[in-house]
Each structure stands twice: as C-alpha cells, then as structure tokens.
Amino acid sequence: MAGAAREVQVHISVLRQQLDLYECDALVRSYAVSTALHGVGESNGSGCTPRGLHRVRAKVGAGCDAATVFVGRRPTGEMYSPGLAAQHPGRDWILCRILWLTGCEPGFNCGGAVDTLRRFIYIHGCPDGTPLGVPASHGCVRMANADVMDLFERVVVGTPVRIEA
C-alpha cells in the first residue's frame, strides 16, 4: 500500500549484547549495545535490564548535539568532554538521544514494582570509548552515539521493543 507506515520492530539480545532493527520483518541494521552489569530483571531498584515486550514511550533529544548531556530526560546545558568526565567520576552518562521504554506485560514489566516506565529504562547514547558488547549499564541499554542517532530516526513512538535474555 503506497504511503503506509513501515512496520518497524526492535529486538535486543542481552546474551549477544546486540540490538537488531527490523522493517517489515527484514533485518535492516544491527548495533552493539551494553545492557545491565547486574543482568536481567524487572524489579525496581535492581539495576537490571527488564525483559519482555516494551514500546517506545517517548523520544527525547531530537536535534541535539551528540555530546549533549541529559539528566531526568532534560539537557543539562553541558556538553560531554573528557574534562567534564574527569570532574564527575562515576557519573552514568546519558548522551545524545533517549528512547524511553514502557513495558507492555502487566505484572511482568508493567505496573507496581516492575514498571519499566517508572524505572526510567532507556535506550540512550554514551561517551565514545564506553565499552559496548559487554554488560556494564545501570539497567538501561547503552549505544554508541552515532548508532542511537540512526536508530532514533528509524523508530516512532509506539515502536515495539523486545528484550530477551
């Protein structure tokens, strides 16, 4: 059908530390990611990456520079640099773009103490040189800035995101 929206889906493999983007059931891109250092889990405060079916709830950062620093989904006015990083050792850097996820499975990743949205689980950019392909995040899914900028342009609010162990 001419003009119909593409059917886009995101699949994240925690085991492979990879995000796969599908359009009309065809794999079109794969990206290295970093999921939670503490593994998978849905509980609030666990520091784990939640599994199951999610959707993109909000897209944050359109038009922002790749070095834009976010806190609470808002640009701080800072631009990431090695000097800024040295001033804030141990800070969990959220850069560039944010895809905020919401769970779709009540009692598993939606509602109560397992609510992905209330846990502020994102797919987001991170500083260059941050290890990807290994679990290291605080629960979110980290991507290289260029990759998350590409993904951001390819998905819409409501895009399904499946996270599998």
N, C-alpha and C. Protein backbone atom coordinates (compact mmCIF):
# COMPACT_ATOMS: atom_id res chain seq x y z
N MET A 1 0.85 -1.18 0.00
CA MET A 1 0.00 0.00 0.00
C MET A 1 0.89 1.24 0.00
N ALA A 2 0.71 2.12 -0.95
CA ALA A 2 1.52 3.34 -1.05
C ALA A 2 1.25 4.24 0.14
N GLY A 3 2.32 4.78 0.71
CA GLY A 3 2.19 5.72 1.81
C GLY A 3 2.00 5.07 3.17
N ALA A 4 1.90 3.75 3.23
CA ALA A 4 1.71 3.08 4.52
C ALA A 4 2.98 3.17 5.35
N ALA A 5 2.80 3.26 6.66
CA ALA A 5 3.95 3.33 7.57
C ALA A 5 4.70 2.00 7.55
N ARG A 6 6.02 2.10 7.67
CA ARG A 6 6.83 0.88 7.75
C ARG A 6 6.50 0.17 9.05
N GLU A 7 6.54 -1.12 9.02
CA GLU A 7 6.37 -1.91 10.23
C GLU A 7 7.75 -2.13 10.82
N VAL A 8 8.07 -1.40 11.87
CA VAL A 8 9.40 -1.41 12.48
C VAL A 8 9.32 -2.10 13.83
N GLN A 9 10.32 -2.93 14.12
CA GLN A 9 10.44 -3.62 15.41
C GLN A 9 11.89 -3.61 15.83
N VAL A 10 12.10 -3.56 17.14
CA VAL A 10 13.43 -3.61 17.72
C VAL A 10 13.51 -4.86 18.59
N HIS A 11 14.58 -5.63 18.40
CA HIS A 11 14.85 -6.80 19.24
C HIS A 11 16.22 -6.60 19.89
N ILE A 12 16.27 -6.76 21.21
CA ILE A 12 17.53 -6.62 21.94
C ILE A 12 17.87 -7.96 22.56
N SER A 13 19.05 -8.47 22.25
CA SER A 13 19.54 -9.71 22.84
C SER A 13 20.56 -9.37 23.92
N VAL A 14 20.22 -9.68 25.17
CA VAL A 14 21.16 -9.46 26.28
C VAL A 14 22.34 -10.41 26.12
N LEU A 15 22.09 -11.64 25.73
CA LEU A 15 23.15 -12.63 25.55
C LEU A 15 24.18 -12.16 24.53
N ARG A 16 23.71 -11.66 23.39
CA ARG A 16 24.61 -11.22 22.32
C ARG A 16 25.03 -9.76 22.45
N GLN A 17 24.40 -9.01 23.40
CA GLN A 17 24.67 -7.58 23.56
C GLN A 17 24.52 -6.88 22.21
N GLN A 18 23.36 -7.11 21.60
CA GLN A 18 23.09 -6.61 20.26
C GLN A 18 21.64 -6.16 20.14
N LEU A 19 21.45 -5.06 19.43
CA LEU A 19 20.11 -4.57 19.10
C LEU A 19 19.93 -4.76 17.61
N ASP A 20 18.85 -5.42 17.23
CA ASP A 20 18.53 -5.65 15.82
C ASP A 20 17.28 -4.85 15.47
N LEU A 21 17.33 -4.16 14.35
CA LEU A 21 16.21 -3.36 13.85
C LEU A 21 15.62 -4.07 12.64
N TYR A 22 14.32 -4.31 12.71
CA TYR A 22 13.60 -4.96 11.63
C TYR A 22 12.61 -4.00 11.01
N GLU A 23 12.52 -4.03 9.70
CA GLU A 23 11.47 -3.31 8.97
C GLU A 23 10.75 -4.33 8.11
N CYS A 24 9.44 -4.42 8.28
CA CYS A 24 8.62 -5.40 7.53
C CYS A 24 9.22 -6.80 7.66
N ASP A 25 9.61 -7.17 8.87
CA ASP A 25 10.15 -8.48 9.22
C ASP A 25 11.52 -8.78 8.61
N ALA A 26 12.16 -7.80 8.00
CA ALA A 26 13.51 -8.00 7.45
C ALA A 26 14.51 -7.26 8.33
N LEU A 27 15.60 -7.94 8.68
CA LEU A 27 16.66 -7.31 9.45
C LEU A 27 17.34 -6.25 8.59
N VAL A 28 17.35 -4.99 9.09
CA VAL A 28 17.97 -3.92 8.30
C VAL A 28 19.22 -3.36 8.96
N ARG A 29 19.35 -3.47 10.27
CA ARG A 29 20.54 -2.96 10.97
C ARG A 29 20.74 -3.75 12.25
N SER A 30 22.00 -3.89 12.63
CA SER A 30 22.36 -4.45 13.94
C SER A 30 23.35 -3.51 14.58
N TYR A 31 23.21 -3.32 15.88
CA TYR A 31 24.06 -2.40 16.62
C TYR A 31 24.56 -3.09 17.89
N ALA A 32 25.80 -2.81 18.27
CA ALA A 32 26.33 -3.27 19.55
C ALA A 32 25.71 -2.42 20.66
N VAL A 33 25.40 -3.06 21.78
CA VAL A 33 24.83 -2.37 22.93
C VAL A 33 25.53 -2.84 24.21
N SER A 34 25.20 -2.17 25.29
CA SER A 34 25.60 -2.62 26.62
C SER A 34 24.37 -2.58 27.50
N THR A 35 23.98 -3.72 28.02
CA THR A 35 22.86 -3.81 28.95
C THR A 35 23.42 -3.84 30.38
N ALA A 36 22.59 -4.17 31.34
CA ALA A 36 22.94 -4.03 32.75
C ALA A 36 24.06 -4.95 33.23
N LEU A 37 24.95 -4.38 33.99
CA LEU A 37 26.01 -5.13 34.65
C LEU A 37 25.43 -6.23 35.54
N HIS A 38 24.28 -5.96 36.13
CA HIS A 38 23.65 -6.92 37.05
C HIS A 38 22.72 -7.91 36.37
N GLY A 39 22.74 -7.95 35.04
CA GLY A 39 21.94 -8.93 34.31
C GLY A 39 20.52 -8.47 34.06
N VAL A 40 19.62 -9.43 33.91
CA VAL A 40 18.22 -9.13 33.60
C VAL A 40 17.37 -9.25 34.85
N GLY A 41 16.32 -8.46 34.87
CA GLY A 41 15.37 -8.48 35.98
C GLY A 41 14.45 -7.29 35.88
N GLU A 42 13.31 -7.41 36.45
CA GLU A 42 12.28 -6.40 36.28
C GLU A 42 12.04 -5.53 37.52
N SER A 43 12.56 -5.92 38.67
CA SER A 43 12.24 -5.23 39.92
C SER A 43 12.86 -3.84 40.02
N ASN A 44 12.08 -2.92 40.53
CA ASN A 44 12.55 -1.56 40.78
C ASN A 44 13.76 -1.61 41.72
N GLY A 45 14.79 -0.84 41.41
CA GLY A 45 15.98 -0.78 42.24
C GLY A 45 16.98 -1.90 42.01
N SER A 46 16.70 -2.80 41.09
CA SER A 46 17.57 -3.96 40.86
C SER A 46 18.82 -3.62 40.07
N GLY A 47 18.78 -2.55 39.29
CA GLY A 47 19.89 -2.23 38.39
C GLY A 47 19.99 -3.21 37.23
N CYS A 48 18.91 -3.93 36.97
CA CYS A 48 18.88 -4.93 35.90
C CYS A 48 18.12 -4.40 34.69
N THR A 49 18.38 -4.99 33.54
CA THR A 49 17.65 -4.67 32.32
C THR A 49 16.38 -5.52 32.27
N PRO A 50 15.21 -4.88 32.11
CA PRO A 50 13.95 -5.64 32.10
C PRO A 50 13.74 -6.38 30.78
N ARG A 51 13.18 -7.57 30.89
CA ARG A 51 12.90 -8.40 29.72
C ARG A 51 11.47 -8.19 29.24
N GLY A 52 11.19 -8.81 28.11
CA GLY A 52 9.83 -8.85 27.59
C GLY A 52 9.54 -7.80 26.55
N LEU A 53 8.25 -7.66 26.27
CA LEU A 53 7.79 -6.72 25.24
C LEU A 53 7.60 -5.34 25.84
N HIS A 54 8.18 -4.36 25.17
CA HIS A 54 8.07 -2.95 25.53
C HIS A 54 7.68 -2.17 24.29
N ARG A 55 7.43 -0.90 24.48
CA ARG A 55 7.22 0.03 23.37
C ARG A 55 8.00 1.31 23.67
N VAL A 56 8.36 2.02 22.61
CA VAL A 56 8.97 3.34 22.77
C VAL A 56 7.86 4.26 23.26
N ARG A 57 8.02 4.79 24.46
CA ARG A 57 7.02 5.69 25.06
C ARG A 57 7.25 7.14 24.66
N ALA A 58 8.54 7.51 24.56
CA ALA A 58 8.88 8.87 24.20
C ALA A 58 10.26 8.90 23.55
N LYS A 59 10.43 9.86 22.66
CA LYS A 59 11.72 10.12 22.01
C LYS A 59 12.18 11.49 22.50
N VAL A 60 13.41 11.54 23.03
CA VAL A 60 13.93 12.77 23.62
C VAL A 60 15.27 13.10 22.98
N GLY A 61 15.46 14.36 22.61
CA GLY A 61 16.76 14.81 22.14
C GLY A 61 16.85 15.11 20.66
N ALA A 62 15.74 15.11 19.95
CA ALA A 62 15.78 15.41 18.51
C ALA A 62 16.50 16.73 18.28
N GLY A 63 17.48 16.71 17.37
CA GLY A 63 18.20 17.91 17.01
C GLY A 63 19.34 18.29 17.94
N CYS A 64 19.50 17.58 19.05
CA CYS A 64 20.58 17.89 19.99
C CYS A 64 21.93 17.41 19.45
N ASP A 65 22.98 18.09 19.85
CA ASP A 65 24.34 17.69 19.52
C ASP A 65 24.63 16.32 20.14
N ALA A 66 25.51 15.56 19.53
CA ALA A 66 25.86 14.22 20.03
C ALA A 66 26.47 14.26 21.43
N ALA A 67 27.05 15.38 21.83
CA ALA A 67 27.69 15.50 23.14
C ALA A 67 26.75 16.02 24.22
N THR A 68 25.47 16.25 23.87
CA THR A 68 24.51 16.77 24.85
C THR A 68 24.34 15.81 26.00
N VAL A 69 24.42 16.33 27.22
CA VAL A 69 24.25 15.55 28.45
C VAL A 69 22.81 15.72 28.94
N PHE A 70 22.18 14.59 29.29
CA PHE A 70 20.82 14.60 29.82
C PHE A 70 20.81 14.11 31.26
N VAL A 71 19.95 14.73 32.05
CA VAL A 71 19.62 14.25 33.39
C VAL A 71 18.10 14.41 33.51
N GLY A 72 17.43 13.35 33.94
CA GLY A 72 15.98 13.41 34.03
C GLY A 72 15.32 13.72 32.70
N ARG A 73 15.91 13.23 31.61
CA ARG A 73 15.41 13.40 30.24
C ARG A 73 15.45 14.85 29.78
N ARG A 74 16.22 15.69 30.43
CA ARG A 74 16.35 17.09 30.04
C ARG A 74 17.83 17.41 29.80
N PRO A 75 18.11 18.18 28.75
CA PRO A 75 19.50 18.60 28.54
C PRO A 75 19.96 19.46 29.72
N THR A 76 21.16 19.19 30.20
CA THR A 76 21.69 19.93 31.35
C THR A 76 22.35 21.24 30.95
N GLY A 77 22.62 21.40 29.64
CA GLY A 77 23.40 22.54 29.17
C GLY A 77 24.88 22.20 29.07
N GLU A 78 25.25 21.02 29.57
CA GLU A 78 26.64 20.55 29.49
C GLU A 78 26.84 19.83 28.16
N MET A 79 28.08 19.85 27.71
CA MET A 79 28.49 19.05 26.56
C MET A 79 29.56 18.10 27.06
N TYR A 80 29.37 16.82 26.80
CA TYR A 80 30.31 15.82 27.29
C TYR A 80 31.70 16.06 26.71
N SER A 81 32.68 15.93 27.57
CA SER A 81 34.09 16.01 27.16
C SER A 81 34.89 15.22 28.19
N PRO A 82 36.11 14.82 27.86
CA PRO A 82 36.95 14.14 28.85
C PRO A 82 37.16 14.99 30.11
N GLY A 83 37.26 16.29 29.93
CA GLY A 83 37.42 17.17 31.09
C GLY A 83 36.21 17.15 32.00
N LEU A 84 35.01 17.19 31.40
CA LEU A 84 33.78 17.10 32.19
C LEU A 84 33.70 15.75 32.89
N ALA A 85 34.07 14.70 32.19
CA ALA A 85 34.06 13.36 32.79
C ALA A 85 35.00 13.29 33.99
N ALA A 86 36.17 13.93 33.89
CA ALA A 86 37.14 13.93 34.99
C ALA A 86 36.57 14.66 36.21
N GLN A 87 35.72 15.65 35.98
CA GLN A 87 35.10 16.40 37.09
C GLN A 87 34.00 15.60 37.77
N HIS A 88 33.47 14.57 37.09
CA HIS A 88 32.34 13.79 37.61
C HIS A 88 32.61 12.30 37.46
N PRO A 89 33.62 11.78 38.16
CA PRO A 89 33.93 10.35 38.03
C PRO A 89 32.75 9.50 38.52
N GLY A 90 32.49 8.43 37.80
CA GLY A 90 31.42 7.51 38.20
C GLY A 90 30.03 7.93 37.75
N ARG A 91 29.89 9.08 37.11
CA ARG A 91 28.58 9.52 36.64
C ARG A 91 28.11 8.60 35.52
N ASP A 92 26.82 8.26 35.54
CA ASP A 92 26.22 7.44 34.48
C ASP A 92 25.78 8.38 33.37
N TRP A 93 26.60 8.51 32.34
CA TRP A 93 26.37 9.49 31.28
C TRP A 93 25.26 9.06 30.34
N ILE A 94 24.28 9.91 30.18
CA ILE A 94 23.20 9.71 29.21
C ILE A 94 23.35 10.84 28.20
N LEU A 95 23.72 10.47 26.98
CA LEU A 95 24.06 11.45 25.96
C LEU A 95 23.17 11.33 24.73
N CYS A 96 23.08 12.43 24.00
CA CYS A 96 22.68 12.42 22.60
C CYS A 96 21.18 12.25 22.35
N ARG A 97 20.65 11.08 22.57
CA ARG A 97 19.24 10.75 22.32
C ARG A 97 18.77 9.76 23.38
N ILE A 98 17.46 9.81 23.65
CA ILE A 98 16.84 8.88 24.59
C ILE A 98 15.59 8.31 23.94
N LEU A 99 15.47 6.99 23.98
CA LEU A 99 14.22 6.30 23.66
C LEU A 99 13.74 5.71 24.98
N TRP A 100 12.71 6.31 25.57
CA TRP A 100 12.20 5.90 26.88
C TRP A 100 11.21 4.76 26.66
N LEU A 101 11.43 3.66 27.35
CA LEU A 101 10.63 2.46 27.15
C LEU A 101 9.53 2.33 28.20
N THR A 102 8.43 1.71 27.80
CA THR A 102 7.36 1.34 28.71
C THR A 102 7.04 -0.13 28.50
N GLY A 103 6.84 -0.85 29.58
CA GLY A 103 6.52 -2.27 29.50
C GLY A 103 5.11 -2.50 29.01
N CYS A 104 4.89 -3.64 28.37
CA CYS A 104 3.58 -3.99 27.81
C CYS A 104 2.96 -5.21 28.47
N GLU A 105 3.64 -5.78 29.48
CA GLU A 105 3.17 -7.02 30.07
C GLU A 105 2.84 -6.79 31.55
N PRO A 106 1.54 -6.55 31.86
CA PRO A 106 1.14 -6.27 33.24
C PRO A 106 1.61 -7.36 34.21
N GLY A 107 2.19 -6.91 35.32
CA GLY A 107 2.68 -7.84 36.33
C GLY A 107 4.08 -8.35 36.07
N PHE A 108 4.58 -8.17 34.84
CA PHE A 108 5.93 -8.63 34.49
C PHE A 108 6.87 -7.45 34.30
N ASN A 109 6.48 -6.51 33.42
CA ASN A 109 7.30 -5.31 33.21
C ASN A 109 6.46 -4.04 33.17
N CYS A 110 5.23 -4.16 33.62
CA CYS A 110 4.29 -3.04 33.61
C CYS A 110 3.48 -3.05 34.91
N GLY A 111 3.52 -1.93 35.63
CA GLY A 111 2.75 -1.80 36.87
C GLY A 111 3.54 -2.20 38.11
N GLY A 112 3.14 -1.63 39.23
CA GLY A 112 3.73 -1.98 40.52
C GLY A 112 5.23 -1.81 40.57
N ALA A 113 5.89 -2.77 41.22
CA ALA A 113 7.35 -2.71 41.44
C ALA A 113 8.15 -3.21 40.25
N VAL A 114 7.48 -3.50 39.13
CA VAL A 114 8.19 -4.00 37.95
C VAL A 114 7.95 -3.11 36.73
N ASP A 115 7.57 -1.86 36.95
CA ASP A 115 7.18 -0.98 35.86
C ASP A 115 8.39 -0.35 35.17
N THR A 116 8.63 -0.76 33.93
CA THR A 116 9.77 -0.27 33.15
C THR A 116 9.75 1.25 33.02
N LEU A 117 8.60 1.82 32.74
CA LEU A 117 8.50 3.27 32.57
C LEU A 117 8.90 3.99 33.86
N ARG A 118 8.39 3.56 34.99
CA ARG A 118 8.71 4.20 36.27
C ARG A 118 10.15 3.94 36.70
N ARG A 119 10.76 2.91 36.14
CA ARG A 119 12.19 2.64 36.42
C ARG A 119 13.09 3.50 35.55
N PHE A 120 12.51 4.24 34.62
CA PHE A 120 13.27 5.12 33.72
C PHE A 120 14.31 4.33 32.93
N ILE A 121 13.82 3.29 32.26
CA ILE A 121 14.68 2.46 31.41
C ILE A 121 14.65 3.05 30.00
N TYR A 122 15.86 3.35 29.49
CA TYR A 122 16.02 3.99 28.20
C TYR A 122 16.95 3.17 27.30
N ILE A 123 16.86 3.45 26.02
CA ILE A 123 17.92 3.19 25.06
C ILE A 123 18.55 4.56 24.86
N HIS A 124 19.85 4.70 25.11
CA HIS A 124 20.46 6.03 25.05
C HIS A 124 21.91 5.98 24.61
N GLY A 125 22.42 7.14 24.24
CA GLY A 125 23.82 7.28 23.85
C GLY A 125 24.73 7.34 25.06
N CYS A 126 26.02 7.09 24.81
CA CYS A 126 27.03 7.09 25.87
C CYS A 126 28.34 7.63 25.31
N PRO A 127 29.28 7.97 26.19
CA PRO A 127 30.54 8.54 25.70
C PRO A 127 31.30 7.60 24.76
N ASP A 128 31.98 8.19 23.79
CA ASP A 128 32.88 7.41 22.94
C ASP A 128 33.88 6.70 23.84
N GLY A 129 34.19 5.47 23.50
CA GLY A 129 35.13 4.69 24.31
C GLY A 129 34.47 3.88 25.41
N THR A 130 33.16 4.11 25.64
CA THR A 130 32.43 3.28 26.60
C THR A 130 32.34 1.87 26.03
N PRO A 131 32.70 0.86 26.80
CA PRO A 131 32.63 -0.50 26.26
C PRO A 131 31.22 -0.88 25.85
N LEU A 132 31.09 -1.36 24.64
CA LEU A 132 29.84 -1.92 24.15
C LEU A 132 30.09 -3.39 23.86
N GLY A 133 29.03 -4.18 23.83
CA GLY A 133 29.19 -5.61 23.61
C GLY A 133 29.42 -6.38 24.90
N VAL A 134 29.42 -5.66 26.03
CA VAL A 134 29.56 -6.28 27.34
C VAL A 134 28.56 -5.61 28.29
N PRO A 135 27.99 -6.38 29.22
CA PRO A 135 27.07 -5.79 30.19
C PRO A 135 27.81 -4.82 31.12
N ALA A 136 27.33 -3.58 31.22
CA ALA A 136 28.01 -2.59 32.07
C ALA A 136 27.09 -1.47 32.55
N SER A 137 25.86 -1.41 32.07
CA SER A 137 24.99 -0.27 32.39
C SER A 137 24.34 -0.44 33.76
N HIS A 138 23.57 0.58 34.13
CA HIS A 138 22.82 0.57 35.40
C HIS A 138 21.41 0.04 35.19
N GLY A 139 21.12 -0.54 34.03
CA GLY A 139 19.79 -1.08 33.72
C GLY A 139 19.32 -0.72 32.33
N CYS A 140 19.76 0.45 31.85
CA CYS A 140 19.38 0.90 30.52
C CYS A 140 20.15 0.14 29.44
N VAL A 141 19.84 0.47 28.19
CA VAL A 141 20.54 -0.09 27.05
C VAL A 141 21.37 1.04 26.44
N ARG A 142 22.68 0.93 26.55
CA ARG A 142 23.59 1.94 26.02
C ARG A 142 23.96 1.62 24.58
N MET A 143 24.11 2.68 23.78
CA MET A 143 24.54 2.54 22.39
C MET A 143 25.55 3.63 22.08
N ALA A 144 26.36 3.41 21.05
CA ALA A 144 27.24 4.46 20.53
C ALA A 144 26.36 5.61 20.04
N ASN A 145 26.83 6.83 20.21
CA ASN A 145 26.02 7.99 19.84
C ASN A 145 25.57 7.96 18.38
N ALA A 146 26.48 7.65 17.46
CA ALA A 146 26.09 7.61 16.04
C ALA A 146 25.01 6.56 15.81
N ASP A 147 25.10 5.44 16.52
CA ASP A 147 24.10 4.37 16.35
C ASP A 147 22.74 4.77 16.91
N VAL A 148 22.73 5.37 18.10
CA VAL A 148 21.43 5.74 18.68
C VAL A 148 20.80 6.88 17.89
N MET A 149 21.61 7.74 17.30
CA MET A 149 21.06 8.80 16.45
C MET A 149 20.41 8.19 15.20
N ASP A 150 21.05 7.17 14.63
CA ASP A 150 20.49 6.47 13.48
C ASP A 150 19.18 5.77 13.86
N LEU A 151 19.20 5.02 14.97
CA LEU A 151 18.01 4.31 15.43
C LEU A 151 16.87 5.29 15.71
N PHE A 152 17.18 6.40 16.36
CA PHE A 152 16.19 7.43 16.72
C PHE A 152 15.40 7.88 15.50
N GLU A 153 16.08 8.01 14.37
CA GLU A 153 15.42 8.46 13.15
C GLU A 153 14.58 7.37 12.50
N ARG A 154 14.82 6.12 12.86
CA ARG A 154 14.15 5.00 12.21
C ARG A 154 12.92 4.49 12.98
N VAL A 155 12.78 4.90 14.24
CA VAL A 155 11.65 4.43 15.05
C VAL A 155 10.71 5.59 15.36
N VAL A 156 9.50 5.24 15.75
CA VAL A 156 8.50 6.22 16.16
C VAL A 156 8.01 5.84 17.56
N VAL A 157 7.35 6.78 18.22
CA VAL A 157 6.70 6.46 19.48
C VAL A 157 5.71 5.33 19.21
N GLY A 158 5.77 4.31 20.04
CA GLY A 158 4.92 3.13 19.86
C GLY A 158 5.63 1.94 19.24
N THR A 159 6.84 2.14 18.72
CA THR A 159 7.58 1.03 18.12
C THR A 159 7.79 -0.07 19.16
N PRO A 160 7.47 -1.34 18.82
CA PRO A 160 7.71 -2.45 19.75
C PRO A 160 9.19 -2.72 19.94
N VAL A 161 9.57 -2.99 21.19
CA VAL A 161 10.94 -3.31 21.56
C VAL A 161 10.90 -4.57 22.42
N ARG A 162 11.45 -5.67 21.91
CA ARG A 162 11.50 -6.92 22.69
C ARG A 162 12.91 -7.10 23.23
N ILE A 163 12.99 -7.30 24.55
CA ILE A 163 14.29 -7.54 25.20
C ILE A 163 14.29 -8.99 25.70
N GLU A 164 15.26 -9.75 25.20
CA GLU A 164 15.37 -11.17 25.54
C GLU A 164 16.72 -11.46 26.16
N ALA A 165 16.72 -12.37 27.12
CA ALA A 165 17.97 -12.78 27.76
C ALA A 165 18.78 -13.58 26.78
